[in-house]
């Protein structure tokens, strides 16, 4: 395989929610592969560190404000990105949020916050970007999902609904825009420590519980997504669209640790 299949030199990538967490790492991975970056956050000042790091790599970085729950904000960001960089080749829909509550305690506003951010926001940012990609007959849209796109977990009803919706949305948009040379895929991380779920990782018993169910026996590290996001953004994935790529250490296999007493080989 030619190494230039993964070269993003000359490409312009938007990464939403790039001020912290996994968004920062994915933006840096794309820059390392050669892309120039448009970084977004609700507050542009929060992008200072990421912007500086990307510029130190020799790539261009533009910081723009974006509230994915505000349609006007989405339109303005896309126009500003095109004005600054001339085009949009790659979009990573990373901006998201979560409200962790028991289902009986979820409020109307909780539901709207999570679904409007994670699902509606993903659609309308994709739509606005696609309108710029279609005339160029080229685009790579990467929607960030989650292991909750395929699994259900207690206390994550709105979040799971939003991420499951992202998976279905990805397939629909792939069918809609494939004729225009645009691929749309879902990158679904497993259990990664982020600002949204940091409290879980303070619970040693929970960490042991979840790690025991991951075949690779560790939770994800932010750099574990680097190869996947570059693959989906590059020519290497030219014939891949409508897919959900799980980067989860294997937890989606459904594997669990069994004690000798629980695992009776005579019954296999």
C-alpha atoms as a PDB file:
ATOM      1  CA  UNK A   1       0.000   0.000   0.000  1.00  0.00           C
ATOM      2  CA  UNK A   2       1.387   3.423  -0.980  1.00  0.00           C
ATOM      3  CA  UNK A   3       2.210   5.499   2.110  1.00  0.00           C
ATOM      4  CA  UNK A   4       0.706   8.638   0.549  1.00  0.00           C
ATOM      5  CA  UNK A   5      -2.769   7.140   0.948  1.00  0.00           C
ATOM      6  CA  UNK A   6      -2.683   8.544   4.484  1.00  0.00           C
ATOM      7  CA  UNK A   7      -1.154  11.906   3.539  1.00  0.00           C
ATOM      8  CA  UNK A   8      -3.502  14.825   4.254  1.00  0.00           C
ATOM      9  CA  UNK A   9      -1.245  17.556   2.890  1.00  0.00           C
ATOM     10  CA  UNK A  10      -3.364  20.243   1.240  1.00  0.00           C
ATOM     11  CA  UNK A  11      -6.540  19.165   3.015  1.00  0.00           C
ATOM     12  CA  UNK A  12      -8.572  21.393   5.338  1.00  0.00           C
ATOM     13  CA  UNK A  13     -10.208  19.703   8.327  1.00  0.00           C
ATOM     14  CA  UNK A  14     -12.786  21.068  10.756  1.00  0.00           C
ATOM     15  CA  UNK A  15     -12.810  19.505  14.216  1.00  0.00           C
ATOM     16  CA  UNK A  16     -15.677  20.620  16.433  1.00  0.00           C
ATOM     17  CA  UNK A  17     -15.253  20.571  20.192  1.00  0.00           C
ATOM     18  CA  UNK A  18     -11.477  20.823  19.821  1.00  0.00           C
ATOM     19  CA  UNK A  19     -10.695  22.759  22.990  1.00  0.00           C
ATOM     20  CA  UNK A  20     -10.112  19.702  25.161  1.00  0.00           C
ATOM     21  CA  UNK A  21     -10.247  15.937  25.443  1.00  0.00           C
ATOM     22  CA  UNK A  22     -10.431  13.651  22.443  1.00  0.00           C
ATOM     23  CA  UNK A  23     -11.049  16.553  20.061  1.00  0.00           C
ATOM     24  CA  UNK A  24      -7.615  17.990  20.807  1.00  0.00           C
ATOM     25  CA  UNK A  25      -5.915  14.683  20.114  1.00  0.00           C
ATOM     26  CA  UNK A  26      -7.777  14.060  16.856  1.00  0.00           C
ATOM     27  CA  UNK A  27      -6.999  17.587  15.639  1.00  0.00           C
ATOM     28  CA  UNK A  28      -3.300  17.072  16.342  1.00  0.00           C
ATOM     29  CA  UNK A  29      -3.361  13.681  14.585  1.00  0.00           C
ATOM     30  CA  UNK A  30      -4.845  15.231  11.449  1.00  0.00           C
ATOM     31  CA  UNK A  31      -2.273  18.033  11.559  1.00  0.00           C
ATOM     32  CA  UNK A  32       0.542  15.508  11.941  1.00  0.00           C
ATOM     33  CA  UNK A  33      -0.759  13.798   8.780  1.00  0.00           C
ATOM     34  CA  UNK A  34      -0.498  17.130   6.952  1.00  0.00           C
ATOM     35  CA  UNK A  35      -3.925  18.781   7.232  1.00  0.00           C
ATOM     36  CA  UNK A  36      -4.613  22.402   8.061  1.00  0.00           C
ATOM     37  CA  UNK A  37      -7.172  22.771  10.834  1.00  0.00           C
ATOM     38  CA  UNK A  38     -10.269  24.756  11.655  1.00  0.00           C
ATOM     39  CA  UNK A  39     -10.804  24.328  15.383  1.00  0.00           C
ATOM     40  CA  UNK A  40     -14.110  25.130  17.023  1.00  0.00           C
ATOM     41  CA  UNK A  41     -15.378  25.631  20.528  1.00  0.00           C
ATOM     42  CA  UNK A  42     -18.148  27.667  22.111  1.00  0.00           C
ATOM     43  CA  UNK A  43     -15.417  30.073  23.240  1.00  0.00           C
ATOM     44  CA  UNK A  44     -12.537  30.745  20.861  1.00  0.00           C
ATOM     45  CA  UNK A  45     -10.147  31.585  23.714  1.00  0.00           C
ATOM     46  CA  UNK A  46     -10.310  27.972  24.889  1.00  0.00           C
ATOM     47  CA  UNK A  47      -8.688  26.911  21.610  1.00  0.00           C
ATOM     48  CA  UNK A  48      -5.453  28.835  22.226  1.00  0.00           C
ATOM     49  CA  UNK A  49      -3.408  25.829  23.372  1.00  0.00           C
ATOM     50  CA  UNK A  50      -4.548  23.497  20.597  1.00  0.00           C
ATOM     51  CA  UNK A  51      -4.072  26.184  17.981  1.00  0.00           C
ATOM     52  CA  UNK A  52      -0.523  26.880  19.154  1.00  0.00           C
ATOM     53  CA  UNK A  53       0.373  23.181  19.177  1.00  0.00           C
ATOM     54  CA  UNK A  54      -0.828  22.728  15.610  1.00  0.00           C
ATOM     55  CA  UNK A  55       1.002  25.810  14.403  1.00  0.00           C
ATOM     56  CA  UNK A  56       4.163  24.451  16.020  1.00  0.00           C
ATOM     57  CA  UNK A  57       3.750  21.407  13.742  1.00  0.00           C
ATOM     58  CA  UNK A  58       3.984  23.755  10.762  1.00  0.00           C
ATOM     59  CA  UNK A  59       0.291  23.550   9.933  1.00  0.00           C
ATOM     60  CA  UNK A  60      -2.250  26.346   9.716  1.00  0.00           C
ATOM     61  CA  UNK A  61      -4.851  26.538  12.500  1.00  0.00           C
ATOM     62  CA  UNK A  62      -7.935  28.765  12.565  1.00  0.00           C
ATOM     63  CA  UNK A  63      -9.972  29.080  15.778  1.00  0.00           C
ATOM     64  CA  UNK A  64     -13.696  29.754  15.421  1.00  0.00           C
ATOM     65  CA  UNK A  65     -16.581  29.915  17.861  1.00  0.00           C
ATOM     66  CA  UNK A  66     -19.372  27.397  17.392  1.00  0.00           C
ATOM     67  CA  UNK A  67     -22.476  26.478  19.341  1.00  0.00           C
ATOM     68  CA  UNK A  68     -23.866  23.383  17.632  1.00  0.00           C
ATOM     69  CA  UNK A  69     -27.277  24.026  19.227  1.00  0.00           C
ATOM     70  CA  UNK A  70     -27.553  27.341  17.351  1.00  0.00           C
ATOM     71  CA  UNK A  71     -28.307  27.105  13.622  1.00  0.00           C
ATOM     72  CA  UNK A  72     -27.010  30.603  12.921  1.00  0.00           C
ATOM     73  CA  UNK A  73     -23.765  29.797  14.719  1.00  0.00           C
ATOM     74  CA  UNK A  74     -23.304  26.726  12.508  1.00  0.00           C
ATOM     75  CA  UNK A  75     -23.858  28.689   9.298  1.00  0.00           C
ATOM     76  CA  UNK A  76     -21.512  31.458  10.416  1.00  0.00           C
ATOM     77  CA  UNK A  77     -18.736  29.012  11.344  1.00  0.00           C
ATOM     78  CA  UNK A  78     -18.893  27.236   7.995  1.00  0.00           C
ATOM     79  CA  UNK A  79     -18.796  30.521   6.061  1.00  0.00           C
ATOM     80  CA  UNK A  80     -15.908  31.807   8.166  1.00  0.00           C
ATOM     81  CA  UNK A  81     -14.021  28.532   7.687  1.00  0.00           C
ATOM     82  CA  UNK A  82     -14.399  28.721   3.907  1.00  0.00           C
ATOM     83  CA  UNK A  83     -13.389  32.360   3.870  1.00  0.00           C
ATOM     84  CA  UNK A  84     -10.281  31.638   5.933  1.00  0.00           C
ATOM     85  CA  UNK A  85      -9.208  28.398   4.228  1.00  0.00           C
ATOM     86  CA  UNK A  86     -10.944  28.398   0.854  1.00  0.00           C
ATOM     87  CA  UNK A  87     -12.622  25.010   1.229  1.00  0.00           C
ATOM     88  CA  UNK A  88     -13.631  22.192   3.579  1.00  0.00           C
ATOM     89  CA  UNK A  89     -12.343  18.685   2.864  1.00  0.00           C
ATOM     90  CA  UNK A  90     -12.825  16.947   6.210  1.00  0.00           C
ATOM     91  CA  UNK A  91     -15.308  17.382   9.042  1.00  0.00           C
ATOM     92  CA  UNK A  92     -14.979  15.684  12.417  1.00  0.00           C
ATOM     93  CA  UNK A  93     -18.210  16.089  14.389  1.00  0.00           C
ATOM     94  CA  UNK A  94     -16.742  15.753  17.861  1.00  0.00           C
ATOM     95  CA  UNK A  95     -18.695  18.345  19.890  1.00  0.00           C
ATOM     96  CA  UNK A  96     -20.891  16.580  22.416  1.00  0.00           C
ATOM     97  CA  UNK A  97     -22.213  16.482  25.943  1.00  0.00           C
ATOM     98  CA  UNK A  98     -23.738  14.089  28.450  1.00  0.00           C
ATOM     99  CA  UNK A  99     -26.069  14.181  31.438  1.00  0.00           C
ATOM    100  CA  UNK A 100     -25.659  11.118  33.613  1.00  0.00           C
ATOM    101  CA  UNK A 101     -28.842  10.363  35.565  1.00  0.00           C
ATOM    102  CA  UNK A 102     -31.104   7.438  36.303  1.00  0.00           C
ATOM    103  CA  UNK A 103     -33.795   7.258  33.643  1.00  0.00           C
ATOM    104  CA  UNK A 104     -36.517   8.132  36.173  1.00  0.00           C
ATOM    105  CA  UNK A 105     -34.650  11.346  37.021  1.00  0.00           C
ATOM    106  CA  UNK A 106     -33.953  12.617  33.482  1.00  0.00           C
ATOM    107  CA  UNK A 107     -35.675  15.951  32.896  1.00  0.00           C
ATOM    108  CA  UNK A 108     -37.162  17.382  29.725  1.00  0.00           C
ATOM    109  CA  UNK A 109     -34.297  19.875  29.564  1.00  0.00           C
ATOM    110  CA  UNK A 110     -31.685  17.135  30.119  1.00  0.00           C
ATOM    111  CA  UNK A 111     -33.037  15.238  27.131  1.00  0.00           C
ATOM    112  CA  UNK A 112     -33.114  18.302  24.885  1.00  0.00           C
ATOM    113  CA  UNK A 113     -29.586  19.356  25.850  1.00  0.00           C
ATOM    114  CA  UNK A 114     -28.046  15.995  25.001  1.00  0.00           C
ATOM    115  CA  UNK A 115     -30.044  15.231  21.845  1.00  0.00           C
ATOM    116  CA  UNK A 116     -29.787  18.774  20.483  1.00  0.00           C
ATOM    117  CA  UNK A 117     -26.022  18.772  20.960  1.00  0.00           C
ATOM    118  CA  UNK A 118     -25.045  15.255  19.978  1.00  0.00           C
ATOM    119  CA  UNK A 119     -27.589  14.414  17.295  1.00  0.00           C
ATOM    120  CA  UNK A 120     -29.229  17.534  15.919  1.00  0.00           C
ATOM    121  CA  UNK A 121     -25.927  19.410  16.046  1.00  0.00           C
ATOM    122  CA  UNK A 122     -24.131  16.629  14.204  1.00  0.00           C
ATOM    123  CA  UNK A 123     -26.737  16.662  11.450  1.00  0.00           C
ATOM    124  CA  UNK A 124     -26.821  20.394  10.845  1.00  0.00           C
ATOM    125  CA  UNK A 125     -23.045  20.854  10.959  1.00  0.00           C
ATOM    126  CA  UNK A 126     -22.771  17.987   8.468  1.00  0.00           C
ATOM    127  CA  UNK A 127     -25.446  19.519   6.272  1.00  0.00           C
ATOM    128  CA  UNK A 128     -23.744  22.920   6.214  1.00  0.00           C
ATOM    129  CA  UNK A 129     -20.352  21.366   5.442  1.00  0.00           C
ATOM    130  CA  UNK A 130     -21.789  19.071   2.762  1.00  0.00           C
ATOM    131  CA  UNK A 131     -23.201  22.062   0.891  1.00  0.00           C
ATOM    132  CA  UNK A 132     -19.607  23.263   0.490  1.00  0.00           C
ATOM    133  CA  UNK A 133     -18.267  19.794  -0.348  1.00  0.00           C
ATOM    134  CA  UNK A 134     -20.850  18.846  -2.986  1.00  0.00           C
ATOM    135  CA  UNK A 135     -19.679  21.334  -5.665  1.00  0.00           C
ATOM    136  CA  UNK A 136     -16.116  20.034  -5.195  1.00  0.00           C
ATOM    137  CA  UNK A 137     -17.235  16.386  -5.468  1.00  0.00           C
ATOM    138  CA  UNK A 138     -15.156  15.488  -2.432  1.00  0.00           C
ATOM    139  CA  UNK A 139     -15.553  15.205   1.320  1.00  0.00           C
ATOM    140  CA  UNK A 140     -14.834  13.137   4.395  1.00  0.00           C
ATOM    141  CA  UNK A 141     -17.339  13.432   7.243  1.00  0.00           C
ATOM    142  CA  UNK A 142     -16.487  11.629  10.477  1.00  0.00           C
ATOM    143  CA  UNK A 143     -19.214  11.554  13.090  1.00  0.00           C
ATOM    144  CA  UNK A 144     -18.065  10.717  16.586  1.00  0.00           C
ATOM    145  CA  UNK A 145     -20.237   8.049  18.133  1.00  0.00           C
ATOM    146  CA  UNK A 146     -19.558   5.785  21.084  1.00  0.00           C
ATOM    147  CA  UNK A 147     -19.731   2.210  22.212  1.00  0.00           C
ATOM    148  CA  UNK A 148     -23.188   3.355  23.375  1.00  0.00           C
ATOM    149  CA  UNK A 149     -24.078   3.589  19.677  1.00  0.00           C
ATOM    150  CA  UNK A 150     -24.563  -0.181  19.846  1.00  0.00           C
ATOM    151  CA  UNK A 151     -24.825  -0.969  23.585  1.00  0.00           C
ATOM    152  CA  UNK A 152     -27.215   0.290  26.251  1.00  0.00           C
ATOM    153  CA  UNK A 153     -26.010   1.340  29.689  1.00  0.00           C
ATOM    154  CA  UNK A 154     -27.944   2.385  32.780  1.00  0.00           C
ATOM    155  CA  UNK A 155     -28.028   6.125  33.551  1.00  0.00           C
ATOM    156  CA  UNK A 156     -27.167   6.947  29.931  1.00  0.00           C
ATOM    157  CA  UNK A 157     -30.585   6.974  28.263  1.00  0.00           C
ATOM    158  CA  UNK A 158     -30.371  10.366  26.472  1.00  0.00           C
ATOM    159  CA  UNK A 159     -26.693   9.860  25.631  1.00  0.00           C
ATOM    160  CA  UNK A 160     -27.232   6.349  24.271  1.00  0.00           C
ATOM    161  CA  UNK A 161     -30.223   7.536  22.246  1.00  0.00           C
ATOM    162  CA  UNK A 162     -28.142  10.351  20.760  1.00  0.00           C
ATOM    163  CA  UNK A 163     -25.169   8.134  19.902  1.00  0.00           C
ATOM    164  CA  UNK A 164     -27.389   5.400  18.485  1.00  0.00           C
ATOM    165  CA  UNK A 165     -28.994   8.114  16.393  1.00  0.00           C
ATOM    166  CA  UNK A 166     -25.580   9.238  15.157  1.00  0.00           C
ATOM    167  CA  UNK A 167     -24.890   5.702  13.925  1.00  0.00           C
ATOM    168  CA  UNK A 168     -28.173   5.599  11.979  1.00  0.00           C
ATOM    169  CA  UNK A 169     -27.698   9.161  10.733  1.00  0.00           C
ATOM    170  CA  UNK A 170     -24.263   8.228   9.416  1.00  0.00           C
ATOM    171  CA  UNK A 171     -25.712   5.479   7.225  1.00  0.00           C
ATOM    172  CA  UNK A 172     -28.432   7.732   5.858  1.00  0.00           C
ATOM    173  CA  UNK A 173     -26.037  10.567   5.006  1.00  0.00           C
ATOM    174  CA  UNK A 174     -23.601   8.115   3.408  1.00  0.00           C
ATOM    175  CA  UNK A 175     -26.363   7.004   1.049  1.00  0.00           C
ATOM    176  CA  UNK A 176     -27.486  10.586   0.448  1.00  0.00           C
ATOM    177  CA  UNK A 177     -24.100  12.077  -0.385  1.00  0.00           C
ATOM    178  CA  UNK A 178     -22.076   9.190  -1.773  1.00  0.00           C
ATOM    179  CA  UNK A 179     -22.885  10.197  -5.335  1.00  0.00           C
ATOM    180  CA  UNK A 180     -21.124  13.498  -4.627  1.00  0.00           C
ATOM    181  CA  UNK A 181     -17.851  11.851  -3.614  1.00  0.00           C
ATOM    182  CA  UNK A 182     -18.497  12.355   0.092  1.00  0.00           C
ATOM    183  CA  UNK A 183     -17.942   9.527   2.534  1.00  0.00           C
ATOM    184  CA  UNK A 184     -19.655   9.580   5.924  1.00  0.00           C
ATOM    185  CA  UNK A 185     -18.509   7.287   8.707  1.00  0.00           C
ATOM    186  CA  UNK A 186     -18.913   6.988  12.462  1.00  0.00           C
ATOM    187  CA  UNK A 187     -15.868   6.670  14.705  1.00  0.00           C
ATOM    188  CA  UNK A 188     -17.045   5.091  17.940  1.00  0.00           C
ATOM    189  CA  UNK A 189     -14.666   5.128  20.924  1.00  0.00           C
ATOM    190  CA  UNK A 190     -15.125   2.690  23.769  1.00  0.00           C
ATOM    191  CA  UNK A 191     -14.282   3.624  27.344  1.00  0.00           C
ATOM    192  CA  UNK A 192     -11.930   6.610  27.281  1.00  0.00           C
ATOM    193  CA  UNK A 193     -11.424   8.944  30.223  1.00  0.00           C
ATOM    194  CA  UNK A 194     -12.702  12.418  29.297  1.00  0.00           C
ATOM    195  CA  UNK A 195     -13.983  15.481  31.126  1.00  0.00           C
ATOM    196  CA  UNK A 196     -17.536  14.154  30.656  1.00  0.00           C
ATOM    197  CA  UNK A 197     -16.943  10.886  32.501  1.00  0.00           C
ATOM    198  CA  UNK A 198     -13.969  11.695  34.747  1.00  0.00           C
ATOM    199  CA  UNK A 199     -15.983  11.028  37.897  1.00  0.00           C
ATOM    200  CA  UNK A 200     -16.380   7.384  36.913  1.00  0.00           C
ATOM    201  CA  UNK A 201     -12.614   6.910  36.861  1.00  0.00           C
ATOM    202  CA  UNK A 202     -12.367   8.068  40.471  1.00  0.00           C
ATOM    203  CA  UNK A 203     -14.236   4.884  41.388  1.00  0.00           C
ATOM    204  CA  UNK A 204     -11.568   2.175  41.512  1.00  0.00           C
ATOM    205  CA  UNK A 205     -14.127  -0.613  41.673  1.00  0.00           C
ATOM    206  CA  UNK A 206     -15.805   0.640  38.516  1.00  0.00           C
ATOM    207  CA  UNK A 207     -12.479   0.930  36.670  1.00  0.00           C
ATOM    208  CA  UNK A 208     -11.636  -2.663  37.609  1.00  0.00           C
ATOM    209  CA  UNK A 209     -15.107  -3.786  36.558  1.00  0.00           C
ATOM    210  CA  UNK A 210     -14.971  -2.185  33.114  1.00  0.00           C
ATOM    211  CA  UNK A 211     -11.318  -3.070  32.479  1.00  0.00           C
ATOM    212  CA  UNK A 212     -12.081  -6.702  33.227  1.00  0.00           C
ATOM    213  CA  UNK A 213     -14.559  -6.684  30.338  1.00  0.00           C
ATOM    214  CA  UNK A 214     -12.148  -5.212  27.793  1.00  0.00           C
ATOM    215  CA  UNK A 215     -10.147  -7.936  26.020  1.00  0.00           C
ATOM    216  CA  UNK A 216      -7.069  -5.670  25.828  1.00  0.00           C
ATOM    217  CA  UNK A 217      -7.395  -5.139  29.610  1.00  0.00           C
ATOM    218  CA  UNK A 218      -7.145  -1.371  29.672  1.00  0.00           C
ATOM    219  CA  UNK A 219      -9.320   1.633  28.979  1.00  0.00           C
ATOM    220  CA  UNK A 220      -8.576   3.723  25.930  1.00  0.00           C
ATOM    221  CA  UNK A 221      -5.849   6.335  25.728  1.00  0.00           C
ATOM    222  CA  UNK A 222      -6.523   9.440  23.609  1.00  0.00           C
ATOM    223  CA  UNK A 223      -3.785   8.564  21.109  1.00  0.00           C
ATOM    224  CA  UNK A 224      -5.546   5.257  20.420  1.00  0.00           C
ATOM    225  CA  UNK A 225      -7.876   7.179  18.084  1.00  0.00           C
ATOM    226  CA  UNK A 226      -5.137   8.755  15.977  1.00  0.00           C
ATOM    227  CA  UNK A 227      -4.825   6.040  13.353  1.00  0.00           C
ATOM    228  CA  UNK A 228      -8.574   5.599  12.987  1.00  0.00           C
ATOM    229  CA  UNK A 229      -9.367   9.280  12.466  1.00  0.00           C
ATOM    230  CA  UNK A 230      -6.544   9.696   9.923  1.00  0.00           C
ATOM    231  CA  UNK A 231      -7.702   6.560   8.088  1.00  0.00           C
ATOM    232  CA  UNK A 232     -11.285   7.812   7.814  1.00  0.00           C
ATOM    233  CA  UNK A 233     -10.091  11.273   6.731  1.00  0.00           C
ATOM    234  CA  UNK A 234      -7.694  10.014   4.067  1.00  0.00           C
ATOM    235  CA  UNK A 235      -7.667   8.365   0.647  1.00  0.00           C
ATOM    236  CA  UNK A 236      -7.042   5.049   2.400  1.00  0.00           C
ATOM    237  CA  UNK A 237     -10.770   4.922   3.217  1.00  0.00           C
ATOM    238  CA  UNK A 238     -11.995   6.019  -0.219  1.00  0.00           C
ATOM    239  CA  UNK A 239     -14.335   3.000  -0.533  1.00  0.00           C
ATOM    240  CA  UNK A 240     -15.481   2.990   3.100  1.00  0.00           C
ATOM    241  CA  UNK A 241     -18.727   4.794   3.869  1.00  0.00           C
ATOM    242  CA  UNK A 242     -21.750   4.386   6.124  1.00  0.00           C
ATOM    243  CA  UNK A 243     -19.688   2.368   8.586  1.00  0.00           C
ATOM    244  CA  UNK A 244     -19.213   2.492  12.348  1.00  0.00           C
ATOM    245  CA  UNK A 245     -15.616   1.874  13.346  1.00  0.00           C
ATOM    246  CA  UNK A 246     -15.402   0.840  16.987  1.00  0.00           C
ATOM    247  CA  UNK A 247     -12.123   1.667  18.727  1.00  0.00           C
ATOM    248  CA  UNK A 248     -12.947   0.029  22.021  1.00  0.00           C
ATOM    249  CA  UNK A 249     -10.260  -2.485  22.989  1.00  0.00           C
ATOM    250  CA  UNK A 250     -12.710  -5.233  22.059  1.00  0.00           C
ATOM    251  CA  UNK A 251     -15.415  -4.587  24.659  1.00  0.00           C
ATOM    252  CA  UNK A 252     -18.030  -4.791  21.900  1.00  0.00           C
ATOM    253  CA  UNK A 253     -17.228  -8.502  21.577  1.00  0.00           C
ATOM    254  CA  UNK A 254     -19.284  -8.917  24.731  1.00  0.00           C
ATOM    255  CA  UNK A 255     -16.400 -10.688  26.446  1.00  0.00           C
ATOM    256  CA  UNK A 256     -16.420 -11.103  30.218  1.00  0.00           C
ATOM    257  CA  UNK A 257     -13.910 -12.664  32.557  1.00  0.00           C
ATOM    258  CA  UNK A 258     -14.985 -16.033  33.847  1.00  0.00           C
ATOM    259  CA  UNK A 259     -13.667 -17.798  36.909  1.00  0.00           C
ATOM    260  CA  UNK A 260     -12.879 -21.551  36.652  1.00  0.00           C
ATOM    261  CA  UNK A 261     -16.099 -22.241  38.536  1.00  0.00           C
ATOM    262  CA  UNK A 262     -18.139 -20.170  36.065  1.00  0.00           C
ATOM    263  CA  UNK A 263     -16.482 -21.623  32.970  1.00  0.00           C
ATOM    264  CA  UNK A 264     -17.181 -25.303  32.583  1.00  0.00           C
ATOM    265  CA  UNK A 265     -15.390 -26.528  29.470  1.00  0.00           C
ATOM    266  CA  UNK A 266     -17.479 -29.673  29.434  1.00  0.00           C
ATOM    267  CA  UNK A 267     -20.488 -27.533  28.500  1.00  0.00           C
ATOM    268  CA  UNK A 268     -18.809 -25.820  25.532  1.00  0.00           C
END
